[in-house]
Each structure stands twice: as C-alpha cells, then as structure tokens.
Protein backbone atom coordinates (compact mmCIF):
# COMPACT_ATOMS: atom_id res chain seq x y z
CA UNK A 1 -42.38 -53.65 -53.12
CA UNK A 2 -42.95 -52.69 -56.77
CA UNK A 3 -39.82 -50.51 -56.72
CA UNK A 4 -37.54 -53.43 -55.88
CA UNK A 5 -35.50 -55.09 -58.67
CA UNK A 6 -37.05 -58.23 -60.17
CA UNK A 7 -36.06 -61.08 -62.46
CA UNK A 8 -36.95 -60.76 -66.09
CA UNK A 9 -40.21 -62.76 -66.65
CA UNK A 10 -38.67 -64.72 -69.53
CA UNK A 11 -35.63 -65.65 -67.42
CA UNK A 12 -37.88 -66.70 -64.54
CA UNK A 13 -40.00 -68.84 -66.86
CA UNK A 14 -36.85 -70.54 -68.17
CA UNK A 15 -35.66 -71.20 -64.60
CA UNK A 16 -38.96 -72.81 -63.61
CA UNK A 17 -38.96 -74.88 -66.80
CA UNK A 18 -35.48 -76.22 -65.99
CA UNK A 19 -36.44 -77.02 -62.39
CA UNK A 20 -39.46 -79.04 -63.58
CA UNK A 21 -37.17 -81.14 -65.77
CA UNK A 22 -34.79 -82.08 -62.94
CA UNK A 23 -36.91 -84.94 -61.51
CA UNK A 24 -36.57 -86.71 -64.86
CA UNK A 25 -32.79 -86.92 -64.49
CA UNK A 26 -30.79 -89.53 -62.60
CA UNK A 27 -29.98 -88.35 -59.03
CA UNK A 28 -26.24 -88.50 -59.81
CA UNK A 29 -26.50 -86.62 -63.06
CA UNK A 30 -23.98 -83.70 -63.31
CA UNK A 31 -26.80 -81.25 -64.02
CA UNK A 32 -28.46 -82.23 -60.75
CA UNK A 33 -25.23 -81.56 -58.85
CA UNK A 34 -24.76 -78.21 -60.61
CA UNK A 35 -28.27 -77.01 -59.74
CA UNK A 36 -27.93 -78.21 -56.13
CA UNK A 37 -24.63 -76.37 -55.75
CA UNK A 38 -26.02 -73.12 -57.16
CA UNK A 39 -29.24 -73.44 -55.14
CA UNK A 40 -27.22 -73.91 -51.95
CA UNK A 41 -25.10 -70.87 -52.77
CA UNK A 42 -28.24 -68.82 -53.47
CA UNK A 43 -29.80 -69.92 -50.16
CA UNK A 44 -26.69 -68.84 -48.25
CA UNK A 45 -26.72 -65.42 -49.93
CA UNK A 46 -30.39 -64.89 -49.12
CA UNK A 47 -29.85 -66.01 -45.52
CA UNK A 48 -26.87 -63.68 -45.12
CA UNK A 49 -28.82 -60.76 -46.59
CA UNK A 50 -31.63 -61.39 -44.12
CA UNK A 51 -29.19 -61.55 -41.20
CA UNK A 52 -27.64 -58.26 -42.32
CA UNK A 53 -31.09 -56.71 -42.57
CA UNK A 54 -32.03 -57.86 -39.06
CA UNK A 55 -28.70 -56.60 -37.69
CA UNK A 56 -29.20 -53.21 -39.33
CA UNK A 57 -32.73 -52.99 -37.92
CA UNK A 58 -31.39 -53.75 -34.43
CA UNK A 59 -28.57 -51.24 -34.81
CA UNK A 60 -31.01 -48.61 -36.04
CA UNK A 61 -33.33 -49.25 -33.10
CA UNK A 62 -30.49 -49.14 -30.56
CA UNK A 63 -29.04 -45.98 -32.12
CA UNK A 64 -32.42 -44.24 -31.83
CA UNK A 65 -32.49 -45.13 -28.13
CA UNK A 66 -28.93 -43.86 -27.62
CA UNK A 67 -29.63 -40.57 -29.41
CA UNK A 68 -32.44 -39.80 -26.96
CA UNK A 69 -29.95 -39.68 -24.10
CA UNK A 70 -28.02 -36.60 -23.06
CA UNK A 71 -24.55 -38.09 -23.48
CA UNK A 72 -25.38 -39.96 -26.68
CA UNK A 73 -27.22 -37.17 -28.46
CA UNK A 74 -25.79 -36.18 -31.87
CA UNK A 75 -26.31 -32.57 -30.74
CA UNK A 76 -24.07 -33.02 -27.70
CA UNK A 77 -21.44 -30.33 -27.18
CA UNK A 78 -19.17 -30.72 -24.14
CA UNK A 79 -18.80 -27.02 -23.64
CA UNK A 80 -20.39 -24.85 -20.95
CA UNK A 81 -19.99 -21.77 -23.13
CA UNK A 82 -21.72 -23.17 -26.25
CA UNK A 83 -25.17 -22.42 -24.95
CA UNK A 84 -26.46 -26.00 -25.47
CA UNK A 85 -27.07 -27.69 -22.10
CA UNK A 86 -26.41 -31.40 -21.72
CA UNK A 87 -30.02 -32.64 -21.49
CA UNK A 88 -31.95 -35.76 -22.44
CA UNK A 89 -34.72 -35.82 -25.03
CA UNK A 90 -36.33 -38.89 -23.45
CA UNK A 91 -39.69 -38.27 -21.69
CA UNK A 92 -38.91 -40.36 -18.60
CA UNK A 93 -36.08 -41.73 -16.50
CA UNK A 94 -35.05 -44.14 -19.25
CA UNK A 95 -34.47 -43.57 -22.95
CA UNK A 96 -35.55 -47.08 -23.91
CA UNK A 97 -34.33 -50.66 -24.08
CA UNK A 98 -31.59 -51.95 -26.34
CA UNK A 99 -32.00 -55.08 -28.42
CA UNK A 100 -28.28 -55.82 -28.17
CA UNK A 101 -26.83 -55.60 -24.67
CA UNK A 102 -23.73 -53.48 -24.08
CA UNK A 103 -21.19 -53.39 -21.26
CA UNK A 104 -21.39 -50.69 -18.60
CA UNK A 105 -18.46 -48.28 -18.72
CA UNK A 106 -18.04 -48.47 -14.94
CA UNK A 107 -18.95 -51.97 -13.71
CA UNK A 108 -18.57 -53.75 -17.09
CA UNK A 109 -21.85 -55.65 -16.58
CA UNK A 110 -24.09 -56.03 -19.64
CA UNK A 111 -27.30 -54.00 -19.69
CA UNK A 112 -30.18 -53.20 -22.05
CA UNK A 113 -32.24 -50.63 -20.12
CA UNK A 114 -30.69 -47.25 -20.98
CA UNK A 115 -30.70 -44.30 -18.60
CA UNK A 116 -32.12 -41.08 -20.09
CA UNK A 117 -28.87 -39.23 -19.35
CA UNK A 118 -25.94 -41.69 -19.43
CA UNK A 119 -25.93 -43.94 -22.49
CA UNK A 120 -22.86 -45.95 -21.46
CA UNK A 121 -23.97 -46.73 -17.88
CA UNK A 122 -26.20 -49.47 -16.50
CA UNK A 123 -29.16 -48.25 -14.39
CA UNK A 124 -27.33 -48.86 -11.10
CA UNK A 125 -24.17 -47.00 -12.08
CA UNK A 126 -26.23 -44.26 -13.74
CA UNK A 127 -28.11 -43.68 -10.48
CA UNK A 128 -24.81 -43.40 -8.61
CA UNK A 129 -23.45 -40.98 -11.22
CA UNK A 130 -26.60 -38.83 -11.03
CA UNK A 131 -26.07 -38.49 -7.28
CA UNK A 132 -22.40 -37.57 -7.80
CA UNK A 133 -23.18 -35.15 -10.63
CA UNK A 134 -25.50 -33.08 -8.46
CA UNK A 135 -23.42 -33.43 -5.29
CA UNK A 136 -22.18 -30.23 -3.67
CA UNK A 137 -19.77 -29.52 -0.85
CA UNK A 138 -18.36 -26.46 0.88
CA UNK A 139 -14.85 -25.75 -0.41
CA UNK A 140 -14.59 -22.27 1.07
CA UNK A 141 -10.95 -21.45 1.78
CA UNK A 142 -9.61 -24.46 -0.12
CA UNK A 143 -6.93 -24.10 -2.83
CA UNK A 144 -7.23 -26.17 -5.99
CA UNK A 145 -4.93 -26.66 -8.98
CA UNK A 146 -6.50 -28.07 -12.13
CA UNK A 147 -4.42 -28.76 -15.23
CA UNK A 148 -6.29 -28.53 -18.52
CA UNK A 149 -9.19 -26.42 -17.29
CA UNK A 150 -10.04 -24.37 -20.37
CA UNK A 151 -12.80 -26.43 -22.04
CA UNK A 152 -14.92 -29.57 -21.97
CA UNK A 153 -14.64 -31.68 -18.81
CA UNK A 154 -11.84 -29.45 -17.52
CA UNK A 155 -14.09 -26.41 -17.55
CA UNK A 156 -16.92 -28.38 -15.92
CA UNK A 157 -14.56 -29.38 -13.11
CA UNK A 158 -13.28 -25.83 -12.68
CA UNK A 159 -16.81 -24.45 -12.50
CA UNK A 160 -17.76 -27.04 -9.89
CA UNK A 161 -14.75 -26.07 -7.77
CA UNK A 162 -15.43 -22.35 -8.12
CA UNK A 163 -19.15 -22.64 -7.42
CA UNK A 164 -18.39 -24.66 -4.31
CA UNK A 165 -16.11 -21.90 -3.01
CA UNK A 166 -12.55 -23.01 -3.85
CA UNK A 167 -9.77 -20.68 -4.92
CA UNK A 168 -8.98 -22.35 -8.23
CA UNK A 169 -5.94 -22.17 -10.49
CA UNK A 170 -6.30 -23.68 -13.95
CA UNK A 171 -3.62 -24.25 -16.56
CA UNK A 172 -3.99 -24.09 -20.33
CA UNK A 173 -2.00 -23.35 -23.47
CA UNK A 174 -4.62 -20.77 -24.43
CA UNK A 175 -5.06 -18.54 -21.36
CA UNK A 176 -6.90 -15.67 -23.05
CA UNK A 177 -9.49 -18.04 -24.46
CA UNK A 178 -9.98 -19.46 -20.98
CA UNK A 179 -10.40 -15.98 -19.53
CA UNK A 180 -13.04 -15.13 -22.13
CA UNK A 181 -14.91 -18.39 -21.52
CA UNK A 182 -15.11 -18.07 -17.75
CA UNK A 183 -15.89 -14.36 -17.81
CA UNK A 184 -18.82 -15.07 -20.16
CA UNK A 185 -20.61 -17.31 -17.63
CA UNK A 186 -23.77 -15.75 -16.22
CA UNK A 187 -22.78 -16.34 -12.59
CA UNK A 188 -19.10 -15.38 -13.04
CA UNK A 189 -19.46 -12.36 -10.75
CA UNK A 190 -19.89 -14.76 -7.83
CA UNK A 191 -16.56 -16.55 -8.22
CA UNK A 192 -14.38 -14.87 -10.88
CA UNK A 193 -12.22 -13.25 -8.18
CA UNK A 194 -11.24 -16.74 -6.99
CA UNK A 195 -10.04 -17.90 -10.40
CA UNK A 196 -6.46 -17.73 -11.65
CA UNK A 197 -5.57 -18.73 -15.21
CA UNK A 198 -2.01 -19.84 -15.93
CA UNK A 199 -0.82 -20.06 -19.53
CA UNK A 200 1.67 -22.90 -19.61
CA UNK A 201 3.00 -25.58 -21.93
CA UNK A 202 3.27 -28.64 -19.71
CA UNK A 203 5.57 -30.24 -22.29
CA UNK A 204 8.28 -27.80 -21.16
CA UNK A 205 9.84 -29.08 -17.90
CA UNK A 206 11.22 -25.64 -17.00
CA UNK A 207 7.71 -24.19 -16.99
CA UNK A 208 6.39 -27.11 -14.94
CA UNK A 209 9.08 -26.63 -12.29
CA UNK A 210 8.46 -22.89 -12.15
CA UNK A 211 4.71 -23.43 -11.74
CA UNK A 212 5.30 -25.96 -8.96
CA UNK A 213 7.50 -23.44 -7.15
CA UNK A 214 4.87 -20.70 -7.46
CA UNK A 215 2.12 -23.01 -6.17
CA UNK A 216 4.26 -24.16 -3.24
CA UNK A 217 5.18 -20.58 -2.34
CA UNK A 218 1.51 -19.65 -2.05
CA UNK A 219 0.91 -22.19 0.70
CA UNK A 220 -0.60 -25.67 1.11
CA UNK A 221 -2.55 -27.08 -1.83
CA UNK A 222 -5.78 -28.87 -0.92
CA UNK A 223 -6.87 -30.22 -4.31
CA UNK A 224 -4.79 -31.32 -7.31
CA UNK A 225 -6.54 -32.58 -10.45
CA UNK A 226 -4.38 -33.63 -13.40
CA UNK A 227 -6.72 -33.35 -16.37
CA UNK A 228 -4.43 -31.93 -19.06
CA UNK A 229 -3.78 -34.30 -21.95
CA UNK A 230 -4.02 -34.59 -25.72
CA UNK A 231 -6.43 -37.45 -26.41
CA UNK A 232 -7.06 -36.78 -30.11
CA UNK A 233 -4.46 -36.12 -32.77
CA UNK A 234 -5.12 -32.73 -34.35
CA UNK A 235 -4.29 -31.39 -37.80
CA UNK A 236 -1.55 -28.72 -37.98
CA UNK A 237 -4.13 -25.95 -38.39
CA UNK A 238 -6.62 -27.17 -35.79
CA UNK A 239 -5.55 -24.56 -33.24
CA UNK A 240 -4.81 -21.72 -35.66
CA UNK A 241 -7.89 -19.73 -34.63
CA UNK A 242 -7.09 -20.17 -30.93
CA UNK A 243 -3.49 -19.10 -31.48
CA UNK A 244 -4.66 -16.06 -33.43
CA UNK A 245 -7.05 -15.00 -30.65
CA UNK A 246 -4.26 -15.26 -28.08
CA UNK A 247 -2.72 -12.23 -29.79
CA UNK A 248 -5.95 -10.22 -29.52
CA UNK A 249 -6.38 -7.99 -26.43
CA UNK A 250 -8.81 -8.86 -23.67
CA UNK A 251 -11.73 -6.47 -23.05
CA UNK A 252 -10.56 -3.59 -20.88
CA UNK A 253 -13.96 -2.74 -19.43
CA UNK A 254 -14.95 -6.22 -18.20
CA UNK A 255 -14.35 -8.05 -14.93
CA UNK A 256 -11.68 -10.66 -15.60
CA UNK A 257 -9.86 -13.27 -13.53
CA UNK A 258 -6.16 -13.04 -12.79
CA UNK A 259 -4.08 -14.31 -15.69
CA UNK A 260 -0.36 -15.04 -15.87
CA UNK A 261 1.46 -16.80 -18.67
CA UNK A 262 4.80 -18.22 -19.65
CA UNK A 263 6.21 -17.26 -23.04
CA UNK A 264 5.44 -19.27 -26.17
CA UNK A 265 2.79 -21.49 -24.58
CA UNK A 266 0.51 -21.49 -27.65
CA UNK A 267 3.19 -22.59 -30.10
CA UNK A 268 2.69 -25.88 -31.94
CA UNK A 269 5.86 -27.45 -30.54
CA UNK A 270 7.47 -27.05 -27.11
CA UNK A 271 10.90 -25.64 -26.47
CA UNK A 272 13.71 -28.11 -26.99
CA UNK A 273 13.98 -30.44 -24.01
CA UNK A 274 17.77 -30.32 -24.17
CA UNK A 275 18.86 -27.45 -21.96
CA UNK A 276 15.30 -26.58 -21.00
CA UNK A 277 15.96 -26.99 -17.30
CA UNK A 278 18.73 -24.42 -17.42
CA UNK A 279 16.56 -21.86 -19.21
CA UNK A 280 14.63 -19.22 -17.31
CA UNK A 281 10.88 -19.80 -17.24
CA UNK A 282 8.72 -17.41 -15.25
CA UNK A 283 5.01 -16.79 -15.56
CA UNK A 284 4.10 -13.12 -15.80
CA UNK A 285 1.06 -10.88 -16.10
CA UNK A 286 0.32 -9.40 -19.50
CA UNK A 287 2.59 -6.42 -20.11
CA UNK A 288 4.80 -7.24 -17.12
CA UNK A 289 8.53 -7.26 -17.83
CA UNK A 290 10.53 -10.43 -17.38
CA UNK A 291 12.77 -8.71 -14.81
CA UNK A 292 9.82 -7.78 -12.60
CA UNK A 293 8.31 -11.25 -12.94
CA UNK A 294 11.62 -12.91 -12.06
CA UNK A 295 12.02 -10.69 -9.03
CA UNK A 296 8.54 -11.57 -7.79
CA UNK A 297 9.16 -15.26 -8.44
CA UNK A 298 12.47 -15.18 -6.54
CA UNK A 299 10.96 -13.27 -3.62
CA UNK A 300 8.17 -15.80 -3.30
C-alpha cells in the first residue's frame, strides 16, 4: 500500500478546503457545477479501474486453471518425437472451475468446470473424447492413406493407424524428416515395415494424379484421411532447416520405412500450374533413376 502513488499532502489539503466551502455557495453557482462535473468524471474513472482490476483477476484465475490442463499447458508441444508427453498437471479429474464460462468446442454449450486434459471441452464432451482417445481397434490387413502425416496431429493419427495394424502411407513435403521421426519411436520395430512415406507437393496436380494412380494400382484403399493443409502463414525462412536436412543422407545402418518421393517437393513454391498436367511426375526411391521409376509406374 505504501508503494502506491499518492496525492501531495498540500494538494489534498487544498482539495478538502475547497470542498468544505461548496455548501456556502448557491446550488446553481458555476463552481458547484464544475466540481460536480469533475467529481462525476473521477467516479467513472475509479469505477472503470475497479472493473478492469476485477476482470484481470478473473482472467488470471481462469488462465491458471487452463494452464493446469494438458491441452492448455504453456509447455504443450504437439509432437510425439519431442519427448514431452501431453499430460495434465491437475491432481484430479478436473483442473478447476472458471469464473467466466466458455463455449464447448464440440457442443457449443457454456461450461465452467474444466476437464484436467481438454481445456476447450465441457465435462460431457471431454468424457466422450477420453473414450475415443484411448479407443483401439484391429486394423490388421487394412490399407490407409494419410495426407500430412509428418508431425503434430498427422503423426498422432499415423501412429494410431500403425499401432492398430494398418499398412499406412503418409504424404509430406519433407519425407526424410518424416522417416527420421518415425524411426526414432521406441516401438517402431513393431510397425515400421508397414509404413510408407511419400514425398509429394500436393499443390502440384501432376503429382497428385500420379499418387492416385499408384494407390489405385496397389489395390483397394480402406482408409483415407485428408489432413494435409497449411493453417498458419510461415515466414520465408521457416522451413529452411527442414529443406536443408532433406539434402542430408539417412542413416545407412538403421531400420527405416519405405520412402519414395517426387522431385522438388520441398521447394517453397510449386511447379507452375500451367502445363503441369502434361509434365511427367513419378515418385521414386532415393537414387532410383527416373526411367526405372517411370517403367515401374507404367507397369503398375
């Protein structure tokens, strides 16, 4: 309290002296109106400051509740390979109760009781999502194609498919990075042989058509998940490290999944759309000549 700013004692004494003189004036005196106007303005400022303080206290309380959850934690990293599991820091099933209600991401109903894991879900939808998150099924013998399976939710989906037994093909603009990520998983020896990584730029229609032909030639597809997208605008150099690592060789002495790639998939801009459909686009294994890849593609 003593550290807060205060009015100069002499100024305060003058203010009180003036206020004591006001009753001696006529109610319609201009000085009375001036003081009333300034007093009203001061009251509004004080009231607004108090409202702001209360709002900040509520926001601070609610933020502390959110940060205890797994999905709202400031330490959250949506990456299976980062070594930080998605866990809650709340001691029980709930992280706490919000002062200001928020709408559930799924059902849109307002809620205040926050699940320890899902900070954007009401208790009912959170319970349903918990059941779905831990749900398993036997996908042995099934073929799955997942676009955008290198990182974040895409990698989570791919791992779920692989661990449930599916033969899974993922697409990405950075195939070597994907290979390194999946090969680094502790249980990769159990499913790595069922993973195929395709380096492709889905902005190039010729590559998309070629991929569709390869997938169709391999037989019926049981699962198709279209996850690839660009949700956040990146700076020109955001992918420079990824592009650089695509030029580095993969480890020769490690078990790796099958990897094929189209040419130029990691470039910042796709091939010109004009004439793209007439251009040859064939995915090939690393070191494989275009002629051999085209022959295999045609034979399939």
